[in-house]
Structures are given as structure tokens and as C-alpha cells.
Amino acid sequence: MRAWAVGSPGAIATHPLEAVERVLPEPASGEIRVHVHVCGVCRTDLHLAEGDLAPRRGGVVPGHEVVGRVDALGAGATRFAVGDRVGIAWLRHTCGVCRFCTRGDENLCVAPRFTGWDDDGGYAEHAVVDEQYAYALPDRYDDDTAAPLLCAGIIGYRALRRAALPSGGRLGVYGFGASAHIAAQIAMFEGATVHVLTRSAAAQRLALDLGAASAGDAFASPPEPLDAAILFAPVGDLVPVALQALDRGGTLSIAGIHLSDIPSLSYERDVFQERGLTSVTANTRRDGEELMAIAATTPIEIVTTPYAFEDANRALVDLAADRVNGAAVIRVS
């Protein structure tokens, strides 16, 4: 089967993804094999390709927003049938016995595995996954628009919940790519006032089109104090900016797996008056199921930019250059 693999990580301009031929994977006990139709492009894929996120093994196939149809079942796999449309997300295995798993925080598992990092992901014609970590997808979204739900949506949803936004509150969203444009719409549907702060003029226009109350430069001040904020841009310099934009008691939630260094903070200016700072580490399957339930009943507009399978490197180049409006998706087959 055809696939793209991370050979030697390097600057994305050098096209570090390599086109390879791989043996068709066979599903093990409890696994399903998915004939991949579409795979969303996540900034984590970019960090992996460039080496900001060190590959767990050589030649791994990236991609963890995988949409396709089940075409083979491993022994004992009964949750899905051949032909079912399913999604494969970032979290693909947890130990189930550590102190975090047993208390319901499997995203903090001490021995997790992740799609497109530990095990091959969706930049390939087929992928396998434990059926317990796959998702049934809402019918209202086609393959292109369902793919971003599987990471951009799930992580954005968890980041929104971690931000502890009060009912009817004022939310600041820093960066406005795939994850942000989904989380912002969920917040607005729940009654929040959303202010978007991003350097991209196209993203600012998209934010306003989707219903944001304002959209301005990432380093500008929002028009009113914020009850909560989410930092999606992987820019550590924005942490003090976002903290200073918070009202008393507000929380800043950092959504990314990678962030450039955070400059020193002033306690009185940035943190005092009970401003909080939290991060997001992966997700639980509960987060994913909750997000799918919301997406099934909420008309979230998911904006995508499609790329041919042969253009996987170009998709990452465009993502790095902020030339993608909404979410990039690779049409695999």
C-alpha cells in the first residue's frame, strides 16, 4: 500500500515526508483495519516532521484524524462491522491500570500509545486500530469535514472545558486554525461571546463569518476583559499577553502539544487576582464521545482545504506558512 513516512525529520521546506510502499497491515485480536478515505492534517504532524516532536520510531506514518471504512476485523472484534464508517484519533492505547487510568484520567496514562507517533497513522491507504479506541462518526459530516473532529475537534473541546468558561462568558481564542474554529463555534452555541486574536487576516475574516464578536491581531488587546482564553497558536510569547487579557479569576488553557519557550512572567501583572494557567494533555475517549454527540446535534461549520494524497508535503508547508484556512485534509482514496 502507498504511505507517507517521516524519514529524517527536518525543516518542512525540505519535504521530510517520504513516499513509501508498505505491506498491507493485518488487524490483530480486537483490532479493525480501516480503508482510509481522508486524513486530517494536524499541527502535531508538522512538529513530528520537523523534529520538534521527536519520532518514537523511525519511518513512522503520521496522521491521526483518520476517516474511512472498516474492511477487515481481527479476532474477537465485534464493535463495528465491515463497511462501517469510523474514525481513528490521536489516543490509541492506554494501560487501564495506572493511577490515572483507574481514576478516569486516561489522557495522563503512564504508558499510552498515539496514532502517527508510536504507531502508523492515516497518511496511508490503510490503518489498523484497537476497536475500543475508534469512533463512530456523525452522519451529518462528510469524510472531509468529519476528519478534523478527530483531533482538532476533540482537543479543542477539551481545551474549552479546561478553560472553565462560565455560562455566557467572554472567551478569547488565540490562533484560529482547525481546532480553534471548531471550539469557538461550540462556545458560541453554548452562549459565549468569543473574541479571536490571530495574525492571519484570512483567519480573522473566517472568525467574523462564523460569528465571533471581534477578530484582531494576536498581540492586540481584546475589546473587553476575558473570563477565559484558549491558546492554540504554538507561540510562548502569547502566554503573558493572554494572561493579561483575563479578568479576575479567568483561566488560560494551552491546547498544543508543543509550544515555544514562555518568557518570564510577572506575578503581579500576569497571575495575581487568581488568574489560572492550565495545559491540555491528549484526551480521554469520554472527551471524544462527548464531542461526537455535540457534533451530531450542533450545526458546526467545519472549513476544510483539501489536498491530494501526493501533496502531503505541500499540505504541511502551507500549514507552517499559515496558508490554510480552517483545516487541511488529505484525500487518500
Protein backbone atom coordinates (compact mmCIF):
# COMPACT_ATOMS: atom_id res chain seq x y z
CA MET A 1 0.00 0.00 0.00
CA ARG A 2 1.06 3.61 -0.51
CA ALA A 3 2.04 5.70 2.51
CA TRP A 4 3.98 8.75 3.61
CA ALA A 5 6.58 8.27 6.35
CA VAL A 6 8.83 10.55 8.38
CA GLY A 7 12.33 9.57 7.25
CA SER A 8 14.76 12.10 8.67
CA PRO A 9 12.94 14.98 10.38
CA GLY A 10 13.91 18.39 9.06
CA ALA A 11 12.67 21.82 8.00
CA ILE A 12 9.35 21.40 6.27
CA ALA A 13 10.65 23.26 3.21
CA THR A 14 12.91 20.24 2.60
CA HIS A 15 9.85 17.93 2.36
CA PRO A 16 10.82 15.45 5.10
CA LEU A 17 7.91 13.12 4.36
CA GLU A 18 8.97 10.22 2.12
CA ALA A 19 6.66 8.29 -0.21
CA VAL A 20 6.95 4.59 0.66
CA GLU A 21 5.33 1.25 -0.12
CA ARG A 22 4.25 -0.75 2.92
CA VAL A 23 2.83 -4.22 3.41
CA LEU A 24 -0.92 -4.17 3.92
CA PRO A 25 -1.40 -4.33 7.74
CA GLU A 26 -3.44 -7.16 9.21
CA PRO A 27 -5.64 -6.42 12.24
CA ALA A 28 -4.58 -8.21 15.42
CA SER A 29 -7.01 -9.56 18.00
CA GLY A 30 -9.55 -6.88 18.92
CA GLU A 31 -8.43 -4.59 16.10
CA ILE A 32 -10.10 -3.33 12.95
CA ARG A 33 -8.49 -2.36 9.67
CA VAL A 34 -9.68 0.82 8.02
CA HIS A 35 -9.52 1.63 4.32
CA VAL A 36 -8.57 5.30 4.66
CA HIS A 37 -10.58 7.84 2.68
CA VAL A 38 -9.41 11.11 4.27
CA CYS A 39 -6.85 12.09 6.89
CA GLY A 40 -6.85 15.49 8.51
CA VAL A 41 -3.59 17.42 8.76
CA CYS A 42 -2.71 18.46 12.31
CA ARG A 43 0.00 20.82 13.52
CA THR A 44 1.33 17.85 15.51
CA ASP A 45 2.14 16.20 12.16
CA LEU A 46 4.19 19.28 11.31
CA HIS A 47 6.03 19.15 14.66
CA LEU A 48 6.76 15.46 14.04
CA ALA A 49 8.05 16.04 10.51
CA GLU A 50 10.30 18.89 11.60
CA GLY A 51 11.58 17.13 14.72
CA ASP A 52 10.06 19.47 17.35
CA LEU A 53 8.29 16.31 18.45
CA ALA A 54 10.86 13.51 18.29
CA PRO A 55 9.54 10.46 16.41
CA ARG A 56 9.07 7.46 18.69
CA ARG A 57 10.43 5.23 15.93
CA GLY A 58 11.98 5.66 12.52
CA GLY A 59 9.77 5.71 9.46
CA VAL A 60 6.51 6.24 11.29
CA VAL A 61 3.47 7.16 9.17
CA PRO A 62 1.88 10.34 10.57
CA GLY A 63 -1.78 11.29 10.66
CA HIS A 64 -4.33 10.90 13.45
CA GLU A 65 -7.55 12.35 12.03
CA VAL A 66 -8.40 9.26 10.03
CA VAL A 67 -11.75 8.65 8.34
CA GLY A 68 -12.53 5.52 6.37
CA ARG A 69 -14.47 2.28 6.16
CA VAL A 70 -13.77 -0.90 8.08
CA ASP A 71 -12.54 -3.53 5.63
CA ALA A 72 -11.21 -6.27 7.95
CA LEU A 73 -11.80 -7.46 11.52
CA GLY A 74 -9.30 -9.03 13.87
CA ALA A 75 -10.24 -12.00 16.03
CA GLY A 76 -12.89 -11.08 18.59
CA ALA A 77 -13.59 -7.62 17.13
CA THR A 78 -17.36 -7.10 17.26
CA ARG A 79 -17.95 -3.38 17.90
CA PHE A 80 -18.00 -2.47 14.19
CA ALA A 81 -18.94 -4.33 11.03
CA VAL A 82 -17.14 -4.41 7.71
CA GLY A 83 -18.33 -1.36 5.77
CA ASP A 84 -18.94 0.86 8.81
CA ARG A 85 -17.53 4.38 8.63
CA VAL A 86 -15.20 5.04 11.57
CA GLY A 87 -12.61 7.49 12.78
CA ILE A 88 -9.17 6.92 14.27
CA ALA A 89 -7.86 9.61 16.63
CA TRP A 90 -4.62 10.51 18.43
CA LEU A 91 -5.09 8.37 21.56
CA ARG A 92 -4.94 4.69 20.54
CA HIS A 93 -3.96 2.79 23.71
CA THR A 94 -3.87 3.23 27.47
CA CYS A 95 -2.76 0.75 30.10
CA GLY A 96 -6.04 0.78 32.04
CA VAL A 97 -4.34 0.01 35.37
CA CYS A 98 -2.21 3.01 36.34
CA ARG A 99 -3.40 5.55 38.91
CA PHE A 100 -4.55 7.93 36.17
CA CYS A 101 -6.49 5.38 34.12
CA THR A 102 -8.28 3.99 37.17
CA ARG A 103 -9.48 7.43 38.25
CA GLY A 104 -10.79 8.30 34.77
CA ASP A 105 -7.88 10.40 33.53
CA GLU A 106 -6.61 8.09 30.80
CA ASN A 107 -5.18 11.05 28.91
CA LEU A 108 -2.48 11.09 31.62
CA CYS A 109 -1.75 7.34 31.34
CA VAL A 110 1.88 6.47 32.12
CA ALA A 111 2.10 4.04 29.18
CA PRO A 112 -0.04 5.42 26.32
CA ARG A 113 0.36 4.96 22.59
CA PHE A 114 -0.54 7.53 19.98
CA THR A 115 -1.58 7.26 16.33
CA GLY A 116 1.00 8.64 13.93
CA TRP A 117 3.67 8.82 16.63
CA ASP A 118 4.06 5.39 18.24
CA ASP A 119 2.14 3.51 15.55
CA ASP A 120 1.41 4.21 11.91
CA GLY A 121 -1.36 6.66 11.17
CA GLY A 122 -3.55 7.81 8.34
CA TYR A 123 -1.16 9.18 5.73
CA ALA A 124 -1.59 5.73 4.17
CA GLU A 125 -4.18 3.75 2.29
CA HIS A 126 -4.94 1.51 5.28
CA ALA A 127 -4.57 1.77 9.06
CA VAL A 128 -5.33 -0.52 11.99
CA VAL A 129 -6.55 0.34 15.48
CA ASP A 130 -7.98 -1.31 18.58
CA GLU A 131 -11.73 -1.10 18.05
CA GLN A 132 -12.20 0.30 21.57
CA TYR A 133 -10.32 3.46 20.51
CA ALA A 134 -12.19 4.03 17.24
CA TYR A 135 -15.17 6.37 16.88
CA ALA A 136 -18.48 6.18 15.10
CA LEU A 137 -18.86 9.47 13.23
CA PRO A 138 -21.89 11.77 12.96
CA ASP A 139 -23.71 11.24 9.65
CA ARG A 140 -24.20 14.98 9.09
CA TYR A 141 -20.50 15.41 8.19
CA ASP A 142 -18.91 14.04 5.04
CA ASP A 143 -15.42 12.50 5.14
CA ASP A 144 -13.61 15.82 4.64
CA THR A 145 -15.47 17.62 7.42
CA ALA A 146 -15.56 14.65 9.81
CA ALA A 147 -11.76 14.24 9.82
CA PRO A 148 -10.93 17.43 11.77
CA LEU A 149 -13.32 16.38 14.54
CA LEU A 150 -10.92 13.57 15.47
CA CYS A 151 -8.16 15.78 16.86
CA ALA A 152 -8.83 19.44 16.15
CA GLY A 153 -12.35 18.94 17.47
CA ILE A 154 -11.57 16.68 20.41
CA ILE A 155 -8.57 18.68 21.65
CA GLY A 156 -10.37 21.97 21.11
CA TYR A 157 -13.32 20.64 23.08
CA ARG A 158 -11.10 19.51 25.97
CA ALA A 159 -9.25 22.86 25.92
CA LEU A 160 -12.59 24.66 26.11
CA ARG A 161 -13.65 22.62 29.13
CA ARG A 162 -10.26 23.11 30.80
CA ALA A 163 -10.64 26.88 30.37
CA ALA A 164 -13.59 26.78 32.81
CA LEU A 165 -15.59 29.31 30.82
CA PRO A 166 -18.63 30.39 32.85
CA SER A 167 -22.08 30.30 31.28
CA GLY A 168 -22.48 33.27 28.96
CA GLY A 169 -18.85 34.22 29.49
CA ARG A 170 -16.29 36.04 27.36
CA LEU A 171 -13.78 33.75 25.63
CA GLY A 172 -10.55 34.76 23.94
CA VAL A 173 -9.21 32.44 21.23
CA TYR A 174 -5.55 32.91 20.29
CA GLY A 175 -4.82 31.45 16.87
CA PHE A 176 -7.65 30.42 14.58
CA GLY A 177 -6.86 27.23 12.72
CA ALA A 178 -8.52 23.83 12.60
CA SER A 179 -9.01 23.31 16.34
CA ALA A 180 -9.88 26.89 17.20
CA HIS A 181 -12.60 27.33 14.61
CA ILE A 182 -14.43 24.26 15.95
CA ALA A 183 -14.03 25.09 19.66
CA ALA A 184 -15.10 28.69 19.08
CA GLN A 185 -18.34 27.58 17.45
CA ILE A 186 -19.13 25.20 20.31
CA ALA A 187 -18.57 28.05 22.76
CA MET A 188 -20.81 30.38 20.77
CA PHE A 189 -23.57 27.77 20.51
CA GLU A 190 -23.37 27.47 24.29
CA GLY A 191 -23.90 31.23 24.68
CA ALA A 192 -20.37 32.62 24.95
CA THR A 193 -19.07 35.85 23.46
CA VAL A 194 -15.93 34.94 21.50
CA HIS A 195 -13.06 37.27 20.64
CA VAL A 196 -10.48 35.88 18.20
CA LEU A 197 -6.88 37.07 18.19
CA THR A 198 -4.74 35.84 15.31
CA ARG A 199 -2.15 37.22 12.90
CA SER A 200 -3.83 35.88 9.76
CA ALA A 201 -6.18 38.31 8.01
CA ALA A 202 -7.96 35.39 6.33
CA ALA A 203 -8.47 33.69 9.70
CA GLN A 204 -9.81 36.95 11.15
CA ARG A 205 -12.36 37.13 8.34
CA LEU A 206 -13.34 33.50 8.88
CA ALA A 207 -13.80 34.13 12.60
CA LEU A 208 -16.17 37.02 11.94
CA ASP A 209 -18.06 34.99 9.32
CA LEU A 210 -18.57 32.23 11.89
CA GLY A 211 -19.98 34.64 14.46
CA ALA A 212 -17.08 35.89 16.57
CA ALA A 213 -17.78 39.21 18.29
CA SER A 214 -14.38 40.56 17.23
CA ALA A 215 -11.21 39.49 15.47
CA GLY A 216 -7.86 41.22 15.77
CA ASP A 217 -4.12 40.71 15.86
CA ALA A 218 -2.79 38.07 18.25
CA PHE A 219 -0.81 40.60 20.31
CA ALA A 220 -3.62 43.15 20.49
CA SER A 221 -5.90 43.60 23.48
CA PRO A 222 -9.44 42.24 23.13
CA PRO A 223 -12.24 44.82 23.37
CA GLU A 224 -13.23 43.62 26.86
CA PRO A 225 -11.71 41.57 29.69
CA LEU A 226 -11.92 37.81 29.19
CA ASP A 227 -13.41 35.22 31.52
CA ALA A 228 -11.34 32.51 29.83
CA ALA A 229 -8.89 32.11 26.98
CA ILE A 230 -7.50 29.28 24.88
CA LEU A 231 -4.07 29.45 23.28
CA PHE A 232 -4.00 27.37 20.09
CA ALA A 233 -1.02 29.11 18.45
CA PRO A 234 2.27 27.37 19.43
CA VAL A 235 3.75 30.73 20.46
CA GLY A 236 5.01 31.02 24.04
CA ASP A 237 5.26 34.81 23.75
CA LEU A 238 1.45 34.90 23.73
CA VAL A 239 1.12 33.39 27.21
CA PRO A 240 1.69 36.65 29.13
CA VAL A 241 -0.38 38.52 26.54
CA ALA A 242 -3.33 36.19 27.08
CA LEU A 243 -2.95 36.18 30.88
CA GLN A 244 -3.02 39.98 30.93
CA ALA A 245 -6.25 39.93 28.88
CA LEU A 246 -8.02 37.83 31.54
CA ASP A 247 -10.41 39.33 34.02
CA ARG A 248 -10.05 38.40 37.70
CA GLY A 249 -10.46 34.66 38.19
CA GLY A 250 -10.02 33.87 34.49
CA THR A 251 -8.20 30.81 33.16
CA LEU A 252 -5.86 30.41 30.20
CA SER A 253 -5.88 26.93 28.65
CA ILE A 254 -2.95 25.97 26.40
CA ALA A 255 -4.06 23.44 23.81
CA GLY A 256 -0.92 22.43 21.91
CA ILE A 257 1.47 19.52 22.35
CA HIS A 258 4.39 21.84 21.51
CA LEU A 259 4.95 25.48 22.50
CA SER A 260 7.91 27.77 22.05
CA ASP A 261 9.51 28.99 25.27
CA ILE A 262 7.36 31.13 27.55
CA PRO A 263 9.01 34.40 28.62
CA SER A 264 9.29 35.18 32.32
CA LEU A 265 6.01 36.12 33.96
CA SER A 266 5.31 38.90 36.41
CA TYR A 267 3.26 37.61 39.31
CA GLU A 268 1.51 40.93 39.96
CA ARG A 269 0.82 41.74 36.30
CA ASP A 270 0.16 38.28 34.81
CA VAL A 271 -1.00 35.88 37.53
CA PHE A 272 -2.33 37.78 40.55
CA GLN A 273 -6.08 38.10 41.17
CA GLU A 274 -6.49 34.33 40.80
CA ARG A 275 -5.76 34.06 37.11
CA GLY A 276 -5.15 30.43 36.24
CA LEU A 277 -2.91 28.69 33.71
CA THR A 278 -3.52 25.12 32.59
CA SER A 279 -2.48 22.81 29.76
CA VAL A 280 -4.12 20.04 27.78
CA THR A 281 -2.52 16.61 27.50
CA ALA A 282 -4.13 14.40 24.87
CA ASN A 283 -7.75 13.46 25.55
CA THR A 284 -9.88 10.77 27.05
CA ARG A 285 -12.25 8.63 24.99
CA ARG A 286 -15.01 10.26 27.04
CA ASP A 287 -13.97 13.64 25.58
CA GLY A 288 -14.21 12.18 22.10
CA GLU A 289 -17.63 10.65 22.63
CA GLU A 290 -18.96 13.88 24.15
CA LEU A 291 -17.64 15.88 21.21
CA MET A 292 -19.20 13.47 18.68
CA ALA A 293 -22.54 13.77 20.48
CA ILE A 294 -22.35 17.58 20.33
CA ALA A 295 -21.32 17.50 16.66
CA ALA A 296 -24.26 15.21 15.85
CA THR A 297 -26.77 17.79 17.09
CA THR A 298 -24.97 21.08 16.50
CA PRO A 299 -24.51 22.60 13.01
CA ILE A 300 -20.77 23.22 13.33
CA GLU A 301 -19.39 24.66 10.11
CA ILE A 302 -16.08 22.90 9.50
CA VAL A 303 -14.00 24.68 6.90
CA THR A 304 -11.52 22.46 5.05
CA THR A 305 -8.81 22.84 2.44
CA PRO A 306 -8.36 19.53 0.57
CA TYR A 307 -5.07 18.18 -0.77
CA ALA A 308 -4.39 15.21 -3.00
CA PHE A 309 -2.55 12.28 -1.40
CA GLU A 310 0.51 13.11 -3.49
CA ASP A 311 0.62 16.61 -1.97
CA ALA A 312 1.09 15.65 1.70
CA ASN A 313 4.33 17.63 2.00
CA ARG A 314 2.71 20.68 0.42
CA ALA A 315 -0.14 20.49 2.93
CA LEU A 316 2.38 20.72 5.78
CA VAL A 317 4.29 23.53 4.05
CA ASP A 318 1.07 25.52 3.71
CA LEU A 319 0.13 24.80 7.33
CA ALA A 320 3.52 26.08 8.52
CA ALA A 321 3.06 29.26 6.47
CA ASP A 322 -0.50 29.88 7.77
CA ARG A 323 -1.89 29.47 4.25
CA VAL A 324 -4.59 27.01 5.36
CA ASN A 325 -7.99 28.43 6.21
CA GLY A 326 -9.76 26.13 8.63
CA ALA A 327 -8.42 22.56 8.45
CA ALA A 328 -6.27 20.87 5.82
CA VAL A 329 -7.32 17.37 4.82
CA ILE A 330 -5.56 14.81 2.63
CA ARG A 331 -7.83 12.80 0.33
CA VAL A 332 -6.16 9.40 0.47
CA SER A 333 -8.55 7.23 -1.52
